[in-house]
PDB file of N, CA and C in Angstrom:
ATOM      1  N   MET A   1      12.627 -81.525  80.435  1.00  0.00           N
ATOM      2  CA  MET A   1      11.498 -82.291  79.603  1.00  0.00           C
ATOM      3  C   MET A   1      10.338 -81.353  79.048  1.00  0.00           C
ATOM      4  N   LYS A   2      10.181 -81.383  77.704  1.00  0.00           N
ATOM      5  CA  LYS A   2       9.087 -80.709  77.294  1.00  0.00           C
ATOM      6  C   LYS A   2       7.903 -81.467  77.315  1.00  0.00           C
ATOM      7  N   LEU A   3       6.723 -80.943  77.666  1.00  0.00           N
ATOM      8  CA  LEU A   3       5.372 -81.559  77.964  1.00  0.00           C
ATOM      9  C   LEU A   3       4.397 -81.222  76.550  1.00  0.00           C
ATOM     10  N   MET A   4       4.237 -82.202  75.891  1.00  0.00           N
ATOM     11  CA  MET A   4       3.167 -81.830  74.723  1.00  0.00           C
ATOM     12  C   MET A   4       1.847 -82.749  74.938  1.00  0.00           C
ATOM     13  N   GLU A   5       0.778 -81.937  74.480  1.00  0.00           N
ATOM     14  CA  GLU A   5      -0.542 -82.684  74.494  1.00  0.00           C
ATOM     15  C   GLU A   5      -0.797 -83.126  73.090  1.00  0.00           C
ATOM     16  N   LEU A   6      -0.999 -84.414  72.895  1.00  0.00           N
ATOM     17  CA  LEU A   6      -1.569 -84.949  71.708  1.00  0.00           C
ATOM     18  C   LEU A   6      -2.894 -85.498  71.747  1.00  0.00           C
ATOM     19  N   THR A   7      -3.586 -85.425  70.658  1.00  0.00           N
ATOM     20  CA  THR A   7      -5.035 -85.800  70.478  1.00  0.00           C
ATOM     21  C   THR A   7      -5.050 -87.241  70.015  1.00  0.00           C
ATOM     22  N   VAL A   8      -5.648 -88.116  70.784  1.00  0.00           N
ATOM     23  CA  VAL A   8      -6.208 -89.370  70.343  1.00  0.00           C
ATOM     24  C   VAL A   8      -7.016 -89.576  69.391  1.00  0.00           C
ATOM     25  N   THR A   9      -6.784 -89.966  68.284  1.00  0.00           N
ATOM     26  CA  THR A   9      -7.562 -90.114  67.027  1.00  0.00           C
ATOM     27  C   THR A   9      -8.005 -91.362  66.342  1.00  0.00           C
ATOM     28  N   GLN A  10      -8.921 -91.348  65.690  1.00  0.00           N
ATOM     29  CA  GLN A  10      -9.419 -92.615  64.952  1.00  0.00           C
ATOM     30  C   GLN A  10      -8.554 -92.940  63.876  1.00  0.00           C
ATOM     31  N   ILE A  11      -7.946 -94.277  63.778  1.00  0.00           N
ATOM     32  CA  ILE A  11      -6.899 -94.721  62.737  1.00  0.00           C
ATOM     33  C   ILE A  11      -7.514 -95.869  62.361  1.00  0.00           C
ATOM     34  N   GLY A  12      -8.411 -96.056  61.388  1.00  0.00           N
ATOM     35  CA  GLY A  12      -8.935 -97.289  61.026  1.00  0.00           C
ATOM     36  C   GLY A  12     -10.042 -97.768  62.083  1.00  0.00           C
ATOM     37  N   ASN A  13      -9.733 -99.025  62.482  1.00  0.00           N
ATOM     38  CA  ASN A  13     -10.651 -99.535  63.839  1.00  0.00           C
ATOM     39  C   ASN A  13      -9.934 -99.515  64.943  1.00  0.00           C
ATOM     40  N   SER A  14      -8.893 -98.762  64.973  1.00  0.00           N
ATOM     41  CA  SER A  14      -8.012 -98.479  66.106  1.00  0.00           C
ATOM     42  C   SER A  14      -8.064 -96.833  66.551  1.00  0.00           C
ATOM     43  N   ARG A  15      -7.333 -96.668  67.718  1.00  0.00           N
ATOM     44  CA  ARG A  15      -7.168 -95.255  68.010  1.00  0.00           C
ATOM     45  C   ARG A  15      -5.677 -94.939  68.213  1.00  0.00           C
ATOM     46  N   GLY A  16      -5.193 -93.761  67.782  1.00  0.00           N
ATOM     47  CA  GLY A  16      -3.767 -93.481  68.092  1.00  0.00           C
ATOM     48  C   GLY A  16      -3.307 -92.104  68.146  1.00  0.00           C
ATOM     49  N   ILE A  17      -2.083 -92.014  68.115  1.00  0.00           N
ATOM     50  CA  ILE A  17      -1.649 -90.526  68.199  1.00  0.00           C
ATOM     51  C   ILE A  17      -0.829 -90.355  67.105  1.00  0.00           C
ATOM     52  N   ARG A  18      -0.648 -88.884  66.896  1.00  0.00           N
ATOM     53  CA  ARG A  18       0.232 -88.668  65.608  1.00  0.00           C
ATOM     54  C   ARG A  18       1.404 -87.898  66.429  1.00  0.00           C
ATOM     55  N   LEU A  19       2.691 -88.390  65.886  1.00  0.00           N
ATOM     56  CA  LEU A  19       4.012 -87.562  66.455  1.00  0.00           C
ATOM     57  C   LEU A  19       4.214 -86.736  65.635  1.00  0.00           C
ATOM     58  N   PRO A  20       4.579 -85.302  65.850  1.00  0.00           N
ATOM     59  CA  PRO A  20       5.064 -84.434  64.938  1.00  0.00           C
ATOM     60  C   PRO A  20       6.182 -84.874  64.206  1.00  0.00           C
ATOM     61  N   ALA A  21       6.383 -84.375  62.806  1.00  0.00           N
ATOM     62  CA  ALA A  21       7.605 -84.681  62.137  1.00  0.00           C
ATOM     63  C   ALA A  21       8.931 -84.242  62.469  1.00  0.00           C
ATOM     64  N   ALA A  22       8.849 -83.261  63.166  1.00  0.00           N
ATOM     65  CA  ALA A  22      10.259 -82.712  63.721  1.00  0.00           C
ATOM     66  C   ALA A  22      10.498 -83.853  64.834  1.00  0.00           C
ATOM     67  N   MET A  23       9.820 -84.389  65.584  1.00  0.00           N
ATOM     68  CA  MET A  23      10.234 -85.340  66.774  1.00  0.00           C
ATOM     69  C   MET A  23      10.677 -86.495  66.177  1.00  0.00           C
ATOM     70  N   LEU A  24       9.944 -86.921  64.974  1.00  0.00           N
ATOM     71  CA  LEU A  24      10.335 -88.336  64.456  1.00  0.00           C
ATOM     72  C   LEU A  24      11.686 -88.014  63.845  1.00  0.00           C
ATOM     73  N   LYS A  25      12.007 -86.991  63.233  1.00  0.00           N
ATOM     74  CA  LYS A  25      13.370 -86.814  62.704  1.00  0.00           C
ATOM     75  C   LYS A  25      14.440 -86.630  63.819  1.00  0.00           C
ATOM     76  N   LYS A  26      14.166 -85.777  64.778  1.00  0.00           N
ATOM     77  CA  LYS A  26      15.124 -85.653  65.834  1.00  0.00           C
ATOM     78  C   LYS A  26      15.344 -86.942  66.577  1.00  0.00           C
ATOM     79  N   TYR A  27      14.701 -87.838  66.812  1.00  0.00           N
ATOM     80  CA  TYR A  27      14.871 -89.117  67.343  1.00  0.00           C
ATOM     81  C   TYR A  27      15.016 -90.336  66.368  1.00  0.00           C
ATOM     82  N   GLY A  28      15.092 -89.953  64.978  1.00  0.00           N
ATOM     83  CA  GLY A  28      15.453 -90.974  64.135  1.00  0.00           C
ATOM     84  C   GLY A  28      14.444 -92.118  63.949  1.00  0.00           C
ATOM     85  N   ILE A  29      13.079 -91.849  64.215  1.00  0.00           N
ATOM     86  CA  ILE A  29      11.956 -92.784  64.000  1.00  0.00           C
ATOM     87  C   ILE A  29      11.595 -92.765  62.639  1.00  0.00           C
ATOM     88  N   THR A  30      11.761 -94.043  62.167  1.00  0.00           N
ATOM     89  CA  THR A  30      11.190 -94.296  60.784  1.00  0.00           C
ATOM     90  C   THR A  30       9.912 -95.215  60.488  1.00  0.00           C
ATOM     91  N   ASP A  31      10.158 -96.362  61.079  1.00  0.00           N
ATOM     92  CA  ASP A  31       9.241 -97.218  60.832  1.00  0.00           C
ATOM     93  C   ASP A  31       8.707 -97.963  62.258  1.00  0.00           C
ATOM     94  N   THR A  32       9.388 -98.252  63.354  1.00  0.00           N
ATOM     95  CA  THR A  32       8.760 -98.942  64.560  1.00  0.00           C
ATOM     96  C   THR A  32       9.566 -98.146  65.497  1.00  0.00           C
ATOM     97  N   ILE A  33       8.820 -98.166  66.667  1.00  0.00           N
ATOM     98  CA  ILE A  33       9.292 -97.754  68.027  1.00  0.00           C
ATOM     99  C   ILE A  33       8.983 -99.018  69.012  1.00  0.00           C
ATOM    100  N   LEU A  34       9.573 -98.753  70.330  1.00  0.00           N
ATOM    101  CA  LEU A  34       9.227 -99.476  71.387  1.00  0.00           C
ATOM    102  C   LEU A  34       8.495 -98.977  72.332  1.00  0.00           C
ATOM    103  N   LEU A  35       7.575 -99.640  72.784  1.00  0.00           N
ATOM    104  CA  LEU A  35       6.503 -99.058  73.902  1.00  0.00           C
ATOM    105  C   LEU A  35       6.731 -99.815  75.123  1.00  0.00           C
ATOM    106  N   GLU A  36       7.084 -99.120  76.315  1.00  0.00           N
ATOM    107  CA  GLU A  36       7.358 -99.858  77.464  1.00  0.00           C
ATOM    108  C   GLU A  36       6.199 -99.225  78.371  1.00  0.00           C
ATOM    109  N   GLU A  37       5.397 -99.988  79.045  1.00  0.00           N
ATOM    110  CA  GLU A  37       4.208 -99.918  79.820  1.00  0.00           C
ATOM    111  C   GLU A  37       4.908 -99.967  81.198  1.00  0.00           C
ATOM    112  N   ARG A  38       4.598 -98.758  81.957  1.00  0.00           N
ATOM    113  CA  ARG A  38       5.148 -98.870  83.471  1.00  0.00           C
ATOM    114  C   ARG A  38       4.017 -98.660  84.208  1.00  0.00           C
ATOM    115  N   PRO A  39       3.831 -98.695  85.455  1.00  0.00           N
ATOM    116  CA  PRO A  39       2.779 -98.544  86.414  1.00  0.00           C
ATOM    117  C   PRO A  39       2.072 -97.120  86.328  1.00  0.00           C
ATOM    118  N   ASP A  40       2.839 -96.149  86.186  1.00  0.00           N
ATOM    119  CA  ASP A  40       2.294 -94.944  86.072  1.00  0.00           C
ATOM    120  C   ASP A  40       2.581 -94.109  84.899  1.00  0.00           C
ATOM    121  N   GLU A  41       3.198 -94.848  83.692  1.00  0.00           N
ATOM    122  CA  GLU A  41       3.515 -93.998  82.564  1.00  0.00           C
ATOM    123  C   GLU A  41       3.796 -94.897  81.471  1.00  0.00           C
ATOM    124  N   ILE A  42       3.586 -94.541  80.338  1.00  0.00           N
ATOM    125  CA  ILE A  42       3.962 -95.299  79.058  1.00  0.00           C
ATOM    126  C   ILE A  42       5.219 -94.529  78.415  1.00  0.00           C
ATOM    127  N   VAL A  43       6.227 -95.191  78.003  1.00  0.00           N
ATOM    128  CA  VAL A  43       7.656 -94.763  77.575  1.00  0.00           C
ATOM    129  C   VAL A  43       7.536 -95.162  76.159  1.00  0.00           C
ATOM    130  N   LEU A  44       7.868 -94.329  75.106  1.00  0.00           N
ATOM    131  CA  LEU A  44       8.203 -94.714  73.823  1.00  0.00           C
ATOM    132  C   LEU A  44       9.639 -94.469  73.361  1.00  0.00           C
ATOM    133  N   LYS A  45      10.461 -95.624  73.111  1.00  0.00           N
ATOM    134  CA  LYS A  45      11.635 -95.773  72.846  1.00  0.00           C
ATOM    135  C   LYS A  45      12.012 -96.040  71.257  1.00  0.00           C
ATOM    136  N   THR A  46      13.155 -95.547  70.669  1.00  0.00           N
ATOM    137  CA  THR A  46      13.587 -95.947  69.512  1.00  0.00           C
ATOM    138  C   THR A  46      14.259 -97.557  69.813  1.00  0.00           C
ATOM    139  N   LYS A  47      14.373 -98.196  68.498  1.00  0.00           N
ATOM    140  CA  LYS A  47      14.986 -99.404  68.949  1.00  0.00           C
ATOM    141  C   LYS A  47      16.557 -99.492  69.315  1.00  0.00           C
ATOM    142  N   LYS A  48      16.900 -98.369  68.944  1.00  0.00           N
ATOM    143  CA  LYS A  48      18.515 -98.315  69.266  1.00  0.00           C
ATOM    144  C   LYS A  48      18.908 -98.132  70.863  1.00  0.00           C
ATOM    145  N   ASP A  49      17.729 -97.532  71.396  1.00  0.00           N
ATOM    146  CA  ASP A  49      17.710 -97.305  72.730  1.00  0.00           C
ATOM    147  C   ASP A  49      17.460 -98.489  73.597  1.00  0.00           C
ATOM    148  N   LYS A  50      17.018 -99.588  73.029  1.00  0.00           N
ATOM    149  CA  LYS A  50      16.957-100.966  73.697  1.00  0.00           C
ATOM    150  C   LYS A  50      18.054-101.654  74.326  1.00  0.00           C
ATOM    151  N   LYS A  51      18.699-101.015  75.263  1.00  0.00           N
ATOM    152  CA  LYS A  51      19.787-101.874  75.866  1.00  0.00           C
ATOM    153  C   LYS A  51      19.411-101.974  77.164  1.00  0.00           C
ATOM    154  N   PHE A  52      19.871-103.365  77.684  1.00  0.00           N
ATOM    155  CA  PHE A  52      19.464-103.875  79.011  1.00  0.00           C
ATOM    156  C   PHE A  52      20.685-103.720  79.803  1.00  0.00           C
ATOM    157  N   SER A  53      20.375-103.206  81.072  1.00  0.00           N
ATOM    158  CA  SER A  53      21.565-102.874  82.029  1.00  0.00           C
ATOM    159  C   SER A  53      20.943-103.701  83.485  1.00  0.00           C
ATOM    160  N   TRP A  54      22.073-103.962  84.310  1.00  0.00           N
ATOM    161  CA  TRP A  54      21.378-104.599  85.500  1.00  0.00           C
ATOM    162  C   TRP A  54      20.568-103.569  86.198  1.00  0.00           C
ATOM    163  N   LYS A  55      21.040-102.278  86.227  1.00  0.00           N
ATOM    164  CA  LYS A  55      20.267-101.226  86.973  1.00  0.00           C
ATOM    165  C   LYS A  55      18.945-101.301  86.524  1.00  0.00           C
ATOM    166  N   GLU A  56      18.660-100.971  85.289  1.00  0.00           N
ATOM    167  CA  GLU A  56      17.462-100.937  84.884  1.00  0.00           C
ATOM    168  C   GLU A  56      16.461-102.244  84.913  1.00  0.00           C
ATOM    169  N   THR A  57      17.230-103.463  84.972  1.00  0.00           N
ATOM    170  CA  THR A  57      16.396-104.843  84.987  1.00  0.00           C
ATOM    171  C   THR A  57      16.023-104.734  86.438  1.00  0.00           C
ATOM    172  N   PHE A  58      16.770-104.286  87.473  1.00  0.00           N
ATOM    173  CA  PHE A  58      16.444-104.571  89.081  1.00  0.00           C
ATOM    174  C   PHE A  58      15.424-103.369  89.073  1.00  0.00           C
ATOM    175  N   ALA A  59      15.549-102.235  88.540  1.00  0.00           N
ATOM    176  CA  ALA A  59      14.522-101.022  88.939  1.00  0.00           C
ATOM    177  C   ALA A  59      13.070-101.660  88.236  1.00  0.00           C
ATOM    178  N   ASP A  60      13.123-102.296  86.825  1.00  0.00           N
ATOM    179  CA  ASP A  60      11.923-102.703  86.424  1.00  0.00           C
ATOM    180  C   ASP A  60      11.321-104.006  87.245  1.00  0.00           C
ATOM    181  N   MET A  61      12.011-104.754  87.718  1.00  0.00           N
ATOM    182  CA  MET A  61      11.685-105.841  88.629  1.00  0.00           C
ATOM    183  C   MET A  61      11.014-105.498  90.086  1.00  0.00           C
ATOM    184  N   ALA A  62      11.645-104.512  90.627  1.00  0.00           N
ATOM    185  CA  ALA A  62      11.110-103.707  91.814  1.00  0.00           C
ATOM    186  C   ALA A  62       9.774-103.183  91.651  1.00  0.00           C
ATOM    187  N   ARG A  63       9.722-102.311  90.411  1.00  0.00           N
ATOM    188  CA  ARG A  63       8.418-101.722  90.152  1.00  0.00           C
ATOM    189  C   ARG A  63       7.334-102.770  89.949  1.00  0.00           C
ATOM    190  N   ALA A  64       7.785-103.942  89.309  1.00  0.00           N
ATOM    191  CA  ALA A  64       6.618-104.983  88.970  1.00  0.00           C
ATOM    192  C   ALA A  64       6.389-105.786  90.213  1.00  0.00           C
ATOM    193  N   LYS A  65       7.223-105.671  91.184  1.00  0.00           N
ATOM    194  CA  LYS A  65       7.083-106.346  92.301  1.00  0.00           C
ATOM    195  C   LYS A  65       7.081-107.954  92.184  1.00  0.00           C
ATOM    196  N   GLU A  66       8.147-108.315  91.275  1.00  0.00           N
ATOM    197  CA  GLU A  66       8.286-109.738  90.775  1.00  0.00           C
ATOM    198  C   GLU A  66       8.873-110.731  91.923  1.00  0.00           C
ATOM    199  N   ASP A  67       8.336-111.740  91.990  1.00  0.00           N
ATOM    200  CA  ASP A  67       8.776-112.541  93.137  1.00  0.00           C
ATOM    201  C   ASP A  67       9.645-113.792  92.666  1.00  0.00           C
ATOM    202  N   TRP A  68      10.916-113.699  92.949  1.00  0.00           N
ATOM    203  CA  TRP A  68      11.758-114.895  92.309  1.00  0.00           C
ATOM    204  C   TRP A  68      12.046-115.978  93.477  1.00  0.00           C
ATOM    205  N   SER A  69      11.310-115.865  94.523  1.00  0.00           N
ATOM    206  CA  SER A  69      11.785-116.630  95.836  1.00  0.00           C
ATOM    207  C   SER A  69      11.599-118.135  95.186  1.00  0.00           C
ATOM    208  N   ASP A  70      10.706-118.697  94.317  1.00  0.00           N
ATOM    209  CA  ASP A  70      10.625-120.059  93.973  1.00  0.00           C
ATOM    210  C   ASP A  70      11.954-120.448  93.201  1.00  0.00           C
ATOM    211  N   LEU A  71      12.982-119.409  92.558  1.00  0.00           N
ATOM    212  CA  LEU A  71      14.131-119.612  91.920  1.00  0.00           C
ATOM    213  C   LEU A  71      14.949-120.446  92.745  1.00  0.00           C
ATOM    214  N   ASP A  72      15.108-120.364  94.196  1.00  0.00           N
ATOM    215  CA  ASP A  72      15.986-121.080  94.954  1.00  0.00           C
ATOM    216  C   ASP A  72      15.686-122.469  95.102  1.00  0.00           C
ATOM    217  N   ALA A  73      14.376-122.747  94.866  1.00  0.00           N
ATOM    218  CA  ALA A  73      13.924-124.211  94.931  1.00  0.00           C
ATOM    219  C   ALA A  73      14.500-124.909  93.742  1.00  0.00           C
ATOM    220  N   ALA A  74      14.345-124.213  92.626  1.00  0.00           N
ATOM    221  CA  ALA A  74      14.765-124.838  91.274  1.00  0.00           C
ATOM    222  C   ALA A  74      16.251-125.102  91.291  1.00  0.00           C
ATOM    223  N   VAL A  75      16.976-124.067  91.705  1.00  0.00           N
ATOM    224  CA  VAL A  75      18.425-124.499  91.934  1.00  0.00           C
ATOM    225  C   VAL A  75      18.972-125.659  92.895  1.00  0.00           C
ATOM    226  N   ALA A  76      18.107-125.723  93.889  1.00  0.00           N
ATOM    227  CA  ALA A  76      18.294-126.747  94.899  1.00  0.00           C
ATOM    228  C   ALA A  76      17.986-128.080  94.386  1.00  0.00           C
ATOM    229  N   ASP A  77      17.008-128.241  93.404  1.00  0.00           N
ATOM    230  CA  ASP A  77      16.711-129.312  92.731  1.00  0.00           C
ATOM    231  C   ASP A  77      17.560-129.867  91.561  1.00  0.00           C
ATOM    232  N   GLY A  78      18.669-128.932  91.286  1.00  0.00           N
ATOM    233  CA  GLY A  78      19.820-129.221  90.337  1.00  0.00           C
ATOM    234  C   GLY A  78      19.598-129.053  89.031  1.00  0.00           C
ATOM    235  N   LEU A  79      18.613-127.878  88.920  1.00  0.00           N
ATOM    236  CA  LEU A  79      18.369-127.477  87.663  1.00  0.00           C
ATOM    237  C   LEU A  79      19.565-126.530  87.162  1.00  0.00           C
ATOM    238  N   ASP A  80      20.340-126.007  87.832  1.00  0.00           N
ATOM    239  CA  ASP A  80      21.407-125.120  87.530  1.00  0.00           C
ATOM    240  C   ASP A  80      22.747-125.817  87.100  1.00  0.00           C
ATOM    241  N   GLU A  81      22.652-127.388  87.132  1.00  0.00           N
ATOM    242  CA  GLU A  81      23.788-128.034  86.922  1.00  0.00           C
ATOM    243  C   GLU A  81      23.999-128.390  85.362  1.00  0.00           C
ATOM    244  N   HIS A  82      22.978-127.823  84.559  1.00  0.00           N
ATOM    245  CA  HIS A  82      23.070-128.167  83.075  1.00  0.00           C
ATOM    246  C   HIS A  82      23.409-126.835  82.209  1.00  0.00           C
TER     247      HIS A  82
END
């Protein structure tokens, strides 16, 4: 993995970074990207990379420490029958 330092610059009323043209071409980035915020990092992905898998979903839930314990109560109330 290559580490690259980018400068945060003023863009209108916002601040942003500029990605090198070679990187945009390499990953096929044209107009939009997906940003995933994690507890200790920010991940940029192209839209074609946005595939859900159970493994990634469970890992994301574990990182977020999601609590699904109330789901059992909803199932017990008959909400799963429809």
